[in-house]
N, C-alpha and C. Protein backbone atom coordinates (compact mmCIF):
# COMPACT_ATOMS: atom_id res chain seq x y z
N MET A 1 -44.05 12.81 -88.92
CA MET A 1 -44.68 13.79 -88.11
C MET A 1 -43.72 14.21 -87.00
N ASN A 2 -43.61 15.47 -86.77
CA ASN A 2 -42.71 16.02 -85.76
C ASN A 2 -43.47 16.11 -84.43
N THR A 3 -42.96 15.38 -83.39
CA THR A 3 -43.65 15.36 -82.10
C THR A 3 -42.94 16.20 -81.05
N ALA A 4 -41.97 16.95 -81.45
CA ALA A 4 -41.25 17.79 -80.50
C ALA A 4 -42.20 18.85 -79.95
N PRO A 5 -42.12 19.12 -78.64
CA PRO A 5 -43.01 20.12 -78.06
C PRO A 5 -42.70 21.49 -78.63
N SER A 6 -43.72 22.24 -78.85
CA SER A 6 -43.51 23.59 -79.36
C SER A 6 -43.29 24.53 -78.18
N ARG A 7 -42.49 25.51 -78.40
CA ARG A 7 -42.19 26.49 -77.35
C ARG A 7 -42.87 27.79 -77.67
N ASN A 8 -43.46 28.34 -76.68
CA ASN A 8 -44.06 29.64 -76.83
C ASN A 8 -43.08 30.64 -76.20
N PRO A 9 -42.39 31.46 -77.00
CA PRO A 9 -41.37 32.35 -76.45
C PRO A 9 -41.91 33.38 -75.48
N GLU A 10 -43.18 33.68 -75.49
CA GLU A 10 -43.73 34.68 -74.59
C GLU A 10 -43.86 34.14 -73.16
N VAL A 11 -43.97 32.84 -72.99
CA VAL A 11 -44.17 32.26 -71.67
C VAL A 11 -42.86 32.22 -70.90
N VAL A 12 -41.74 31.95 -71.52
CA VAL A 12 -40.45 31.80 -70.84
C VAL A 12 -40.04 33.08 -70.12
N PRO A 13 -40.07 34.26 -70.75
CA PRO A 13 -39.70 35.46 -70.01
C PRO A 13 -40.62 35.72 -68.82
N GLU A 14 -41.90 35.42 -68.94
CA GLU A 14 -42.83 35.65 -67.85
C GLU A 14 -42.46 34.78 -66.65
N ILE A 15 -42.13 33.53 -66.89
CA ILE A 15 -41.72 32.63 -65.81
C ILE A 15 -40.41 33.13 -65.21
N SER A 16 -39.49 33.55 -66.07
CA SER A 16 -38.21 34.05 -65.61
C SER A 16 -38.38 35.29 -64.74
N ASN A 17 -39.22 36.23 -65.15
CA ASN A 17 -39.46 37.44 -64.35
C ASN A 17 -40.12 37.08 -63.02
N GLN A 18 -41.03 36.13 -63.04
CA GLN A 18 -41.69 35.71 -61.81
C GLN A 18 -40.67 35.10 -60.86
N THR A 19 -39.75 34.30 -61.38
CA THR A 19 -38.71 33.68 -60.56
C THR A 19 -37.80 34.76 -59.97
N GLN A 20 -37.43 35.75 -60.79
CA GLN A 20 -36.58 36.84 -60.30
C GLN A 20 -37.29 37.64 -59.22
N ASN A 21 -38.57 37.92 -59.40
CA ASN A 21 -39.33 38.67 -58.40
C ASN A 21 -39.41 37.89 -57.09
N THR A 22 -39.62 36.58 -57.17
CA THR A 22 -39.67 35.76 -55.97
C THR A 22 -38.32 35.76 -55.27
N ALA A 23 -37.22 35.66 -56.04
CA ALA A 23 -35.88 35.68 -55.46
C ALA A 23 -35.60 37.04 -54.82
N SER A 24 -36.02 38.11 -55.47
CA SER A 24 -35.81 39.45 -54.90
C SER A 24 -36.59 39.62 -53.60
N ARG A 25 -37.84 39.16 -53.58
CA ARG A 25 -38.63 39.24 -52.35
C ARG A 25 -38.00 38.43 -51.24
N ALA A 26 -37.48 37.24 -51.57
CA ALA A 26 -36.84 36.39 -50.56
C ALA A 26 -35.59 37.08 -50.01
N THR A 27 -34.81 37.71 -50.89
CA THR A 27 -33.60 38.41 -50.46
C THR A 27 -33.96 39.56 -49.52
N PHE A 28 -34.96 40.34 -49.91
CA PHE A 28 -35.38 41.46 -49.06
C PHE A 28 -35.96 40.96 -47.74
N THR A 29 -36.65 39.85 -47.76
CA THR A 29 -37.21 39.28 -46.53
C THR A 29 -36.08 38.85 -45.60
N VAL A 30 -35.07 38.17 -46.13
CA VAL A 30 -33.93 37.74 -45.31
C VAL A 30 -33.19 38.94 -44.77
N LEU A 31 -32.95 39.95 -45.61
CA LEU A 31 -32.28 41.16 -45.14
C LEU A 31 -33.09 41.87 -44.07
N GLY A 32 -34.40 41.90 -44.24
CA GLY A 32 -35.27 42.52 -43.24
C GLY A 32 -35.21 41.79 -41.90
N ILE A 33 -35.19 40.47 -41.97
CA ILE A 33 -35.11 39.68 -40.74
C ILE A 33 -33.77 39.92 -40.06
N LEU A 34 -32.67 39.91 -40.83
CA LEU A 34 -31.35 40.15 -40.24
C LEU A 34 -31.25 41.54 -39.63
N LEU A 35 -31.80 42.52 -40.30
CA LEU A 35 -31.80 43.88 -39.76
C LEU A 35 -32.63 43.95 -38.48
N GLY A 36 -33.76 43.28 -38.47
CA GLY A 36 -34.60 43.24 -37.27
C GLY A 36 -33.90 42.58 -36.10
N VAL A 37 -33.21 41.48 -36.36
CA VAL A 37 -32.46 40.78 -35.29
C VAL A 37 -31.35 41.68 -34.76
N ALA A 38 -30.62 42.34 -35.67
CA ALA A 38 -29.54 43.24 -35.24
C ALA A 38 -30.09 44.39 -34.40
N LEU A 39 -31.22 44.94 -34.80
CA LEU A 39 -31.84 46.03 -34.05
C LEU A 39 -32.28 45.56 -32.66
N LEU A 40 -32.89 44.39 -32.61
CA LEU A 40 -33.31 43.84 -31.31
C LEU A 40 -32.12 43.57 -30.41
N LEU A 41 -31.02 43.07 -30.97
CA LEU A 41 -29.81 42.83 -30.19
C LEU A 41 -29.26 44.15 -29.64
N PHE A 42 -29.22 45.17 -30.48
CA PHE A 42 -28.74 46.48 -30.04
C PHE A 42 -29.61 47.04 -28.92
N ILE A 43 -30.93 46.96 -29.10
CA ILE A 43 -31.85 47.45 -28.07
C ILE A 43 -31.70 46.64 -26.79
N GLY A 44 -31.55 45.35 -26.92
CA GLY A 44 -31.36 44.49 -25.74
C GLY A 44 -30.12 44.86 -24.95
N ILE A 45 -29.02 45.13 -25.66
CA ILE A 45 -27.78 45.54 -24.98
C ILE A 45 -28.00 46.86 -24.26
N GLN A 46 -28.69 47.80 -24.90
CA GLN A 46 -28.94 49.10 -24.28
C GLN A 46 -29.81 48.96 -23.03
N VAL A 47 -30.86 48.16 -23.12
CA VAL A 47 -31.75 47.94 -21.98
C VAL A 47 -30.99 47.27 -20.85
N TYR A 48 -30.20 46.25 -21.16
CA TYR A 48 -29.42 45.53 -20.14
C TYR A 48 -28.45 46.49 -19.47
N THR A 49 -27.77 47.33 -20.27
CA THR A 49 -26.81 48.28 -19.71
C THR A 49 -27.51 49.27 -18.80
N GLN A 50 -28.68 49.78 -19.21
CA GLN A 50 -29.42 50.72 -18.37
C GLN A 50 -29.89 50.06 -17.08
N ALA A 51 -30.34 48.82 -17.17
CA ALA A 51 -30.90 48.14 -16.00
C ALA A 51 -29.83 47.72 -15.00
N THR A 52 -28.69 47.28 -15.50
CA THR A 52 -27.67 46.73 -14.60
C THR A 52 -26.49 47.64 -14.39
N GLY A 53 -26.29 48.60 -15.28
CA GLY A 53 -25.10 49.44 -15.20
C GLY A 53 -23.88 48.76 -15.79
N VAL A 54 -24.04 47.59 -16.39
CA VAL A 54 -22.92 46.84 -16.96
C VAL A 54 -23.12 46.73 -18.46
N ASN A 55 -22.10 47.10 -19.22
CA ASN A 55 -22.15 46.92 -20.66
C ASN A 55 -21.66 45.51 -20.95
N PRO A 56 -22.54 44.61 -21.47
CA PRO A 56 -22.14 43.22 -21.67
C PRO A 56 -21.10 43.04 -22.77
N VAL A 57 -20.93 44.02 -23.62
CA VAL A 57 -19.94 43.91 -24.69
C VAL A 57 -18.55 44.28 -24.17
N THR A 58 -18.44 45.35 -23.40
CA THR A 58 -17.13 45.83 -22.94
C THR A 58 -16.83 45.48 -21.49
N SER A 59 -17.79 44.97 -20.74
CA SER A 59 -17.67 44.66 -19.31
C SER A 59 -17.51 45.90 -18.45
N GLU A 60 -17.75 47.08 -19.02
CA GLU A 60 -17.64 48.30 -18.23
C GLU A 60 -18.86 48.45 -17.33
N VAL A 61 -18.60 48.97 -16.14
CA VAL A 61 -19.65 49.20 -15.16
C VAL A 61 -19.86 50.71 -15.05
N THR A 62 -21.11 51.14 -15.13
CA THR A 62 -21.43 52.55 -14.91
C THR A 62 -21.82 52.69 -13.45
N LEU A 63 -21.01 53.45 -12.73
CA LEU A 63 -21.19 53.60 -11.29
C LEU A 63 -22.06 54.81 -10.97
N ASP A 64 -22.72 54.74 -9.84
CA ASP A 64 -23.54 55.85 -9.36
C ASP A 64 -22.61 56.82 -8.62
N SER A 65 -22.19 57.87 -9.33
CA SER A 65 -21.22 58.82 -8.77
C SER A 65 -21.70 59.44 -7.47
N ALA A 66 -22.96 59.84 -7.41
CA ALA A 66 -23.49 60.48 -6.20
C ALA A 66 -23.44 59.53 -5.01
N ARG A 67 -23.76 58.26 -5.24
CA ARG A 67 -23.73 57.28 -4.16
C ARG A 67 -22.30 57.08 -3.65
N ILE A 68 -21.34 57.03 -4.56
CA ILE A 68 -19.94 56.85 -4.17
C ILE A 68 -19.43 58.08 -3.43
N GLU A 69 -19.76 59.27 -3.92
CA GLU A 69 -19.35 60.50 -3.24
C GLU A 69 -19.87 60.52 -1.81
N GLN A 70 -21.14 60.16 -1.64
CA GLN A 70 -21.74 60.16 -0.30
C GLN A 70 -21.10 59.10 0.60
N ALA A 71 -20.83 57.93 0.05
CA ALA A 71 -20.21 56.85 0.85
C ALA A 71 -18.82 57.26 1.34
N ILE A 72 -18.04 57.90 0.46
CA ILE A 72 -16.70 58.34 0.87
C ILE A 72 -16.81 59.44 1.93
N ALA A 73 -17.71 60.41 1.72
CA ALA A 73 -17.91 61.49 2.70
C ALA A 73 -18.37 60.91 4.04
N ASP A 74 -19.25 59.90 4.01
CA ASP A 74 -19.71 59.26 5.24
C ASP A 74 -18.56 58.55 5.95
N ASP A 75 -17.69 57.90 5.18
CA ASP A 75 -16.53 57.23 5.80
C ASP A 75 -15.61 58.25 6.46
N TYR A 76 -15.39 59.40 5.80
CA TYR A 76 -14.60 60.47 6.41
C TYR A 76 -15.26 60.95 7.69
N ALA A 77 -16.58 61.16 7.65
CA ALA A 77 -17.31 61.63 8.84
C ALA A 77 -17.19 60.64 9.98
N GLY A 78 -17.10 59.37 9.66
CA GLY A 78 -16.95 58.33 10.68
C GLY A 78 -15.67 58.45 11.48
N ILE A 79 -14.66 59.10 10.92
CA ILE A 79 -13.40 59.31 11.65
C ILE A 79 -13.25 60.78 12.08
N GLY A 80 -14.36 61.53 11.99
CA GLY A 80 -14.37 62.90 12.48
C GLY A 80 -13.86 63.94 11.49
N VAL A 81 -13.79 63.61 10.22
CA VAL A 81 -13.31 64.56 9.22
C VAL A 81 -14.47 64.96 8.32
N THR A 82 -14.64 66.28 8.13
CA THR A 82 -15.67 66.76 7.23
C THR A 82 -15.04 66.95 5.85
N ALA A 83 -15.66 66.33 4.86
CA ALA A 83 -15.13 66.44 3.49
C ALA A 83 -16.29 66.38 2.50
N THR A 84 -16.12 67.11 1.40
CA THR A 84 -17.02 66.95 0.27
C THR A 84 -16.23 66.20 -0.80
N VAL A 85 -16.91 65.36 -1.53
CA VAL A 85 -16.22 64.51 -2.51
C VAL A 85 -16.87 64.72 -3.87
N GLU A 86 -16.02 64.88 -4.88
CA GLU A 86 -16.50 64.99 -6.26
C GLU A 86 -15.87 63.90 -7.10
N CYS A 87 -16.74 63.16 -7.80
CA CYS A 87 -16.29 62.08 -8.69
C CYS A 87 -16.76 62.40 -10.10
N PRO A 88 -16.07 61.84 -11.10
CA PRO A 88 -16.53 62.05 -12.48
C PRO A 88 -17.94 61.50 -12.67
N ASP A 89 -18.71 62.17 -13.50
CA ASP A 89 -20.06 61.71 -13.79
C ASP A 89 -20.30 61.85 -15.28
N PRO A 90 -20.44 60.78 -16.02
CA PRO A 90 -20.57 59.41 -15.54
C PRO A 90 -19.22 58.82 -15.17
N MET A 91 -19.27 57.88 -14.26
CA MET A 91 -18.08 57.16 -13.81
C MET A 91 -18.17 55.75 -14.36
N VAL A 92 -17.35 55.45 -15.35
CA VAL A 92 -17.41 54.16 -16.04
C VAL A 92 -16.04 53.51 -15.97
N ALA A 93 -16.01 52.24 -15.57
CA ALA A 93 -14.74 51.51 -15.48
C ALA A 93 -15.01 50.01 -15.51
N LYS A 94 -14.01 49.26 -15.91
CA LYS A 94 -14.09 47.80 -15.86
C LYS A 94 -13.64 47.34 -14.48
N PRO A 95 -14.10 46.16 -14.05
CA PRO A 95 -13.61 45.62 -12.78
C PRO A 95 -12.08 45.58 -12.79
N GLY A 96 -11.49 46.08 -11.69
CA GLY A 96 -10.04 46.15 -11.56
C GLY A 96 -9.49 47.52 -11.91
N GLU A 97 -10.25 48.33 -12.62
CA GLU A 97 -9.81 49.68 -12.98
C GLU A 97 -10.19 50.67 -11.89
N SER A 98 -9.42 51.77 -11.83
CA SER A 98 -9.68 52.83 -10.85
C SER A 98 -10.00 54.13 -11.55
N ARG A 99 -10.78 54.96 -10.88
CA ARG A 99 -11.08 56.32 -11.31
C ARG A 99 -10.82 57.23 -10.11
N ASN A 100 -10.43 58.46 -10.39
CA ASN A 100 -10.09 59.40 -9.32
C ASN A 100 -11.24 60.32 -8.97
N CYS A 101 -11.45 60.46 -7.68
CA CYS A 101 -12.36 61.46 -7.12
C CYS A 101 -11.51 62.44 -6.33
N ILE A 102 -12.09 63.57 -5.98
CA ILE A 102 -11.35 64.57 -5.20
C ILE A 102 -12.12 64.85 -3.92
N ALA A 103 -11.43 64.71 -2.79
CA ALA A 103 -12.00 65.03 -1.48
C ALA A 103 -11.48 66.41 -1.09
N THR A 104 -12.40 67.30 -0.69
CA THR A 104 -12.04 68.64 -0.26
C THR A 104 -12.44 68.79 1.20
N TYR A 105 -11.47 69.25 2.01
CA TYR A 105 -11.68 69.38 3.45
C TYR A 105 -12.04 70.81 3.81
N LEU A 106 -12.37 71.05 5.08
CA LEU A 106 -12.85 72.36 5.53
C LEU A 106 -11.94 73.52 5.15
N LEU A 107 -10.64 73.35 5.26
CA LEU A 107 -9.72 74.47 4.99
C LEU A 107 -9.35 74.57 3.51
N GLY A 108 -10.02 73.81 2.64
CA GLY A 108 -9.75 73.88 1.21
C GLY A 108 -8.68 72.93 0.73
N LEU A 109 -8.10 72.16 1.65
CA LEU A 109 -7.11 71.16 1.24
C LEU A 109 -7.82 70.05 0.47
N THR A 110 -7.12 69.46 -0.48
CA THR A 110 -7.73 68.39 -1.27
C THR A 110 -6.82 67.16 -1.32
N ASN A 111 -7.44 66.04 -1.56
CA ASN A 111 -6.73 64.78 -1.80
C ASN A 111 -7.40 64.05 -2.95
N ASN A 112 -6.59 63.32 -3.71
CA ASN A 112 -7.15 62.41 -4.70
C ASN A 112 -7.58 61.15 -3.98
N VAL A 113 -8.71 60.64 -4.38
CA VAL A 113 -9.23 59.38 -3.83
C VAL A 113 -9.40 58.42 -5.00
N ALA A 114 -8.65 57.31 -4.96
CA ALA A 114 -8.76 56.31 -6.02
C ALA A 114 -9.92 55.37 -5.71
N VAL A 115 -10.88 55.29 -6.62
CA VAL A 115 -12.03 54.40 -6.47
C VAL A 115 -11.82 53.25 -7.45
N THR A 116 -11.74 52.03 -6.92
CA THR A 116 -11.46 50.85 -7.75
C THR A 116 -12.70 49.98 -7.81
N VAL A 117 -13.09 49.62 -9.04
CA VAL A 117 -14.24 48.75 -9.26
C VAL A 117 -13.80 47.32 -8.95
N GLN A 118 -14.56 46.65 -8.08
CA GLN A 118 -14.22 45.31 -7.66
C GLN A 118 -14.85 44.21 -8.53
N ASN A 119 -16.07 44.47 -9.04
CA ASN A 119 -16.78 43.43 -9.79
C ASN A 119 -17.85 44.07 -10.68
N SER A 120 -18.55 43.23 -11.42
CA SER A 120 -19.55 43.74 -12.36
C SER A 120 -20.82 44.22 -11.65
N GLN A 121 -20.94 43.99 -10.35
CA GLN A 121 -22.09 44.50 -9.59
C GLN A 121 -21.87 45.95 -9.16
N GLY A 122 -20.68 46.49 -9.40
CA GLY A 122 -20.41 47.87 -9.07
C GLY A 122 -19.88 48.08 -7.66
N ASP A 123 -19.47 47.01 -6.99
CA ASP A 123 -18.83 47.17 -5.68
C ASP A 123 -17.48 47.85 -5.88
N VAL A 124 -17.17 48.78 -4.99
CA VAL A 124 -15.92 49.54 -5.12
C VAL A 124 -15.19 49.56 -3.78
N THR A 125 -13.89 49.83 -3.89
CA THR A 125 -13.08 50.18 -2.72
C THR A 125 -12.46 51.54 -3.04
N TRP A 126 -12.04 52.25 -2.02
CA TRP A 126 -11.42 53.52 -2.26
C TRP A 126 -10.27 53.72 -1.30
N ALA A 127 -9.30 54.52 -1.75
CA ALA A 127 -8.13 54.81 -0.94
C ALA A 127 -7.65 56.21 -1.26
N VAL A 128 -7.26 56.95 -0.21
CA VAL A 128 -6.71 58.28 -0.38
C VAL A 128 -5.30 58.13 -0.93
N GLN A 129 -4.98 58.94 -1.92
CA GLN A 129 -3.64 58.89 -2.53
C GLN A 129 -2.79 60.01 -2.02
């Protein structure tokens, strides 16, 4: 008497297809999770950059051009000089880097003003060139 188990060929493909479907769902689930994590990381970097003015990937600081223009004009006024100041907008630089603004005086004379970023908090120094 033959006691070998009989195989039903119709059952094997069904199990195989079920295994493939489960593997496909797992792959799509993992890809979905990775895509979600990448999206959250991207959004987090954008929110952090907007909130702090610092890009955590490049260390660039986005400066408030209007505030810097006013501070330079106020410093000029403190020594009795009337000047309007124009800076690039947006003004983006890494700590240690400088960007140029232009100071214009009453008679139309102009000077370049180098604005140097001191740190990631956006503190700057400036000097007439």
